[in-house]
């Protein structure tokens, strides 16, 4: 079983930056597909980025492409989300998620049912 803990959320003005972290334990981190999701009040949880076990393959939702960067440090069992040029519409609770048992790619959709393990979330608030 994987335990995930997010950190790094906070309040920032539009145009600012934040870096989220997701620390993992309880599994072979280098064989885990990881993703970032977010959920704003009244909205469904949406997948915004994912990264393959080795870190060579990434995917971004159109809403964050070019502004957010996902990365991972397998030696530190940690995943990151660098968020630049933040907009008020980025305000949401951000969650990291994991699905284990993969070596190279993550051959499944970036949606909540595809992921097995979830963190508790970290709040990001962007003011205009």
C-alpha atoms as a PDB file:
ATOM      1  CA  UNK A   1       0.000   0.000   0.000  1.00  0.00           C
ATOM      2  CA  UNK A   2       1.146   3.514  -0.804  1.00  0.00           C
ATOM      3  CA  UNK A   3       0.846   6.426   1.596  1.00  0.00           C
ATOM      4  CA  UNK A   4       0.881   9.878   0.001  1.00  0.00           C
ATOM      5  CA  UNK A   5       1.280  13.247   1.675  1.00  0.00           C
ATOM      6  CA  UNK A   6       0.961  16.516  -0.236  1.00  0.00           C
ATOM      7  CA  UNK A   7       2.482  19.817   0.823  1.00  0.00           C
ATOM      8  CA  UNK A   8       3.245  23.230  -0.620  1.00  0.00           C
ATOM      9  CA  UNK A   9      -0.198  24.647  -1.128  1.00  0.00           C
ATOM     10  CA  UNK A  10      -1.122  28.159  -0.121  1.00  0.00           C
ATOM     11  CA  UNK A  11      -2.464  31.486  -1.285  1.00  0.00           C
ATOM     12  CA  UNK A  12      -0.883  33.427  -4.103  1.00  0.00           C
ATOM     13  CA  UNK A  13      -1.811  36.260  -6.414  1.00  0.00           C
ATOM     14  CA  UNK A  14      -2.537  35.698 -10.066  1.00  0.00           C
ATOM     15  CA  UNK A  15       0.652  35.336 -12.054  1.00  0.00           C
ATOM     16  CA  UNK A  16       2.495  33.854  -9.114  1.00  0.00           C
ATOM     17  CA  UNK A  17       4.035  30.432  -8.599  1.00  0.00           C
ATOM     18  CA  UNK A  18       3.836  27.539  -6.171  1.00  0.00           C
ATOM     19  CA  UNK A  19       5.526  24.172  -5.994  1.00  0.00           C
ATOM     20  CA  UNK A  20       3.603  21.245  -4.619  1.00  0.00           C
ATOM     21  CA  UNK A  21       5.279  18.136  -3.263  1.00  0.00           C
ATOM     22  CA  UNK A  22       3.945  14.636  -2.780  1.00  0.00           C
ATOM     23  CA  UNK A  23       5.933  12.373  -0.488  1.00  0.00           C
ATOM     24  CA  UNK A  24       5.291   8.658  -0.829  1.00  0.00           C
ATOM     25  CA  UNK A  25       6.002   5.636   1.303  1.00  0.00           C
ATOM     26  CA  UNK A  26       5.043   1.997   1.536  1.00  0.00           C
ATOM     27  CA  UNK A  27       5.756   0.856  -2.008  1.00  0.00           C
ATOM     28  CA  UNK A  28       8.539   0.559  -4.532  1.00  0.00           C
ATOM     29  CA  UNK A  29       8.392   4.160  -5.666  1.00  0.00           C
ATOM     30  CA  UNK A  30      10.178   3.512  -8.946  1.00  0.00           C
ATOM     31  CA  UNK A  31       7.354   1.238 -10.129  1.00  0.00           C
ATOM     32  CA  UNK A  32       4.526   3.642  -9.387  1.00  0.00           C
ATOM     33  CA  UNK A  33       2.609   5.775 -11.873  1.00  0.00           C
ATOM     34  CA  UNK A  34       1.850   9.141 -10.324  1.00  0.00           C
ATOM     35  CA  UNK A  35      -0.631  11.851 -11.107  1.00  0.00           C
ATOM     36  CA  UNK A  36      -1.851  15.220  -9.911  1.00  0.00           C
ATOM     37  CA  UNK A  37      -5.544  15.964  -9.688  1.00  0.00           C
ATOM     38  CA  UNK A  38      -7.526  18.962  -8.533  1.00  0.00           C
ATOM     39  CA  UNK A  39     -11.049  19.605  -7.405  1.00  0.00           C
ATOM     40  CA  UNK A  40     -12.741  22.951  -7.059  1.00  0.00           C
ATOM     41  CA  UNK A  41     -15.962  23.334  -5.062  1.00  0.00           C
ATOM     42  CA  UNK A  42     -18.906  22.065  -7.065  1.00  0.00           C
ATOM     43  CA  UNK A  43     -16.684  20.510  -9.709  1.00  0.00           C
ATOM     44  CA  UNK A  44     -15.587  16.983 -10.391  1.00  0.00           C
ATOM     45  CA  UNK A  45     -12.048  15.932  -9.639  1.00  0.00           C
ATOM     46  CA  UNK A  46      -9.948  16.382 -12.767  1.00  0.00           C
ATOM     47  CA  UNK A  47      -6.603  14.966 -13.736  1.00  0.00           C
ATOM     48  CA  UNK A  48      -4.084  17.625 -14.685  1.00  0.00           C
ATOM     49  CA  UNK A  49      -0.738  15.848 -14.996  1.00  0.00           C
ATOM     50  CA  UNK A  50       0.850  12.435 -14.762  1.00  0.00           C
ATOM     51  CA  UNK A  51       4.351  11.019 -14.878  1.00  0.00           C
ATOM     52  CA  UNK A  52       5.690   7.574 -15.672  1.00  0.00           C
ATOM     53  CA  UNK A  53       7.637   5.509 -13.120  1.00  0.00           C
ATOM     54  CA  UNK A  54      11.014   6.530 -14.490  1.00  0.00           C
ATOM     55  CA  UNK A  55       9.965  10.101 -15.119  1.00  0.00           C
ATOM     56  CA  UNK A  56      10.598  10.080 -18.844  1.00  0.00           C
ATOM     57  CA  UNK A  57       6.983  10.400 -19.921  1.00  0.00           C
ATOM     58  CA  UNK A  58       4.651  13.142 -18.834  1.00  0.00           C
ATOM     59  CA  UNK A  59       1.185  14.261 -19.804  1.00  0.00           C
ATOM     60  CA  UNK A  60      -0.679  17.485 -19.107  1.00  0.00           C
ATOM     61  CA  UNK A  61      -4.267  18.536 -19.390  1.00  0.00           C
ATOM     62  CA  UNK A  62      -4.813  21.438 -21.757  1.00  0.00           C
ATOM     63  CA  UNK A  63      -5.829  23.656 -18.857  1.00  0.00           C
ATOM     64  CA  UNK A  64      -2.316  23.572 -17.375  1.00  0.00           C
ATOM     65  CA  UNK A  65      -0.086  22.776 -20.339  1.00  0.00           C
ATOM     66  CA  UNK A  66       2.771  25.233 -20.639  1.00  0.00           C
ATOM     67  CA  UNK A  67       2.299  26.544 -17.100  1.00  0.00           C
ATOM     68  CA  UNK A  68       2.690  23.491 -14.859  1.00  0.00           C
ATOM     69  CA  UNK A  69       5.557  21.000 -14.759  1.00  0.00           C
ATOM     70  CA  UNK A  70       5.388  17.578 -13.154  1.00  0.00           C
ATOM     71  CA  UNK A  71       8.553  15.844 -12.011  1.00  0.00           C
ATOM     72  CA  UNK A  72       9.710  13.169  -9.600  1.00  0.00           C
ATOM     73  CA  UNK A  73      12.801  12.259  -7.637  1.00  0.00           C
ATOM     74  CA  UNK A  74      12.762   8.514  -7.138  1.00  0.00           C
ATOM     75  CA  UNK A  75      15.715   8.685  -4.775  1.00  0.00           C
ATOM     76  CA  UNK A  76      13.625  10.880  -2.469  1.00  0.00           C
ATOM     77  CA  UNK A  77      10.290   9.106  -3.083  1.00  0.00           C
ATOM     78  CA  UNK A  78       8.814  12.475  -3.956  1.00  0.00           C
ATOM     79  CA  UNK A  79       6.830  13.955  -6.822  1.00  0.00           C
ATOM     80  CA  UNK A  80       6.527  17.653  -7.563  1.00  0.00           C
ATOM     81  CA  UNK A  81       4.226  20.008  -9.408  1.00  0.00           C
ATOM     82  CA  UNK A  82       5.736  23.362 -10.317  1.00  0.00           C
ATOM     83  CA  UNK A  83       2.904  25.768 -11.019  1.00  0.00           C
ATOM     84  CA  UNK A  84       3.690  29.039 -12.776  1.00  0.00           C
ATOM     85  CA  UNK A  85       1.517  31.828 -14.147  1.00  0.00           C
ATOM     86  CA  UNK A  86      -1.243  30.849 -11.780  1.00  0.00           C
ATOM     87  CA  UNK A  87      -4.775  31.982 -12.526  1.00  0.00           C
ATOM     88  CA  UNK A  88      -7.807  32.352 -10.257  1.00  0.00           C
ATOM     89  CA  UNK A  89      -9.358  29.367 -12.017  1.00  0.00           C
ATOM     90  CA  UNK A  90      -6.507  27.226 -10.704  1.00  0.00           C
ATOM     91  CA  UNK A  91      -7.978  27.584  -7.219  1.00  0.00           C
ATOM     92  CA  UNK A  92      -8.764  24.081  -5.964  1.00  0.00           C
ATOM     93  CA  UNK A  93      -7.749  21.306  -3.641  1.00  0.00           C
ATOM     94  CA  UNK A  94      -4.832  19.501  -5.230  1.00  0.00           C
ATOM     95  CA  UNK A  95      -4.323  15.783  -4.773  1.00  0.00           C
ATOM     96  CA  UNK A  96      -1.564  13.399  -5.705  1.00  0.00           C
ATOM     97  CA  UNK A  97      -2.476   9.873  -6.681  1.00  0.00           C
ATOM     98  CA  UNK A  98      -0.641   6.650  -7.391  1.00  0.00           C
ATOM     99  CA  UNK A  99      -1.066   3.328  -9.082  1.00  0.00           C
ATOM    100  CA  UNK A 100       1.580   0.699  -8.623  1.00  0.00           C
ATOM    101  CA  UNK A 101       3.008  -2.174 -10.603  1.00  0.00           C
ATOM    102  CA  UNK A 102       4.370  -0.476 -13.718  1.00  0.00           C
ATOM    103  CA  UNK A 103       7.879  -0.161 -15.086  1.00  0.00           C
ATOM    104  CA  UNK A 104       7.916   2.175 -18.063  1.00  0.00           C
ATOM    105  CA  UNK A 105       4.572   3.679 -18.986  1.00  0.00           C
ATOM    106  CA  UNK A 106       1.158   4.295 -17.502  1.00  0.00           C
ATOM    107  CA  UNK A 107      -1.282   2.742 -19.991  1.00  0.00           C
ATOM    108  CA  UNK A 108      -4.490   3.973 -18.437  1.00  0.00           C
ATOM    109  CA  UNK A 109      -6.489   7.199 -18.469  1.00  0.00           C
ATOM    110  CA  UNK A 110      -5.742  10.140 -16.219  1.00  0.00           C
ATOM    111  CA  UNK A 111      -8.986   9.896 -14.288  1.00  0.00           C
ATOM    112  CA  UNK A 112      -9.805   9.159 -10.653  1.00  0.00           C
ATOM    113  CA  UNK A 113     -11.000   5.553 -11.113  1.00  0.00           C
ATOM    114  CA  UNK A 114      -7.627   4.637 -12.641  1.00  0.00           C
ATOM    115  CA  UNK A 115      -5.671   5.448  -9.482  1.00  0.00           C
ATOM    116  CA  UNK A 116      -5.498   3.315  -6.358  1.00  0.00           C
ATOM    117  CA  UNK A 117      -3.983   5.558  -3.716  1.00  0.00           C
ATOM    118  CA  UNK A 118      -4.660   9.161  -2.797  1.00  0.00           C
ATOM    119  CA  UNK A 119      -3.261  11.817  -0.566  1.00  0.00           C
ATOM    120  CA  UNK A 120      -5.375  14.077   1.626  1.00  0.00           C
ATOM    121  CA  UNK A 121      -4.906  17.109  -0.586  1.00  0.00           C
ATOM    122  CA  UNK A 122      -3.398  20.569  -0.283  1.00  0.00           C
ATOM    123  CA  UNK A 123      -5.332  23.767  -0.936  1.00  0.00           C
ATOM    124  CA  UNK A 124      -4.238  26.235  -3.593  1.00  0.00           C
ATOM    125  CA  UNK A 125      -5.953  29.620  -3.700  1.00  0.00           C
ATOM    126  CA  UNK A 126      -5.177  32.152  -6.415  1.00  0.00           C
ATOM    127  CA  UNK A 127      -6.519  35.667  -6.025  1.00  0.00           C
ATOM    128  CA  UNK A 128      -6.976  38.167  -8.823  1.00  0.00           C
END
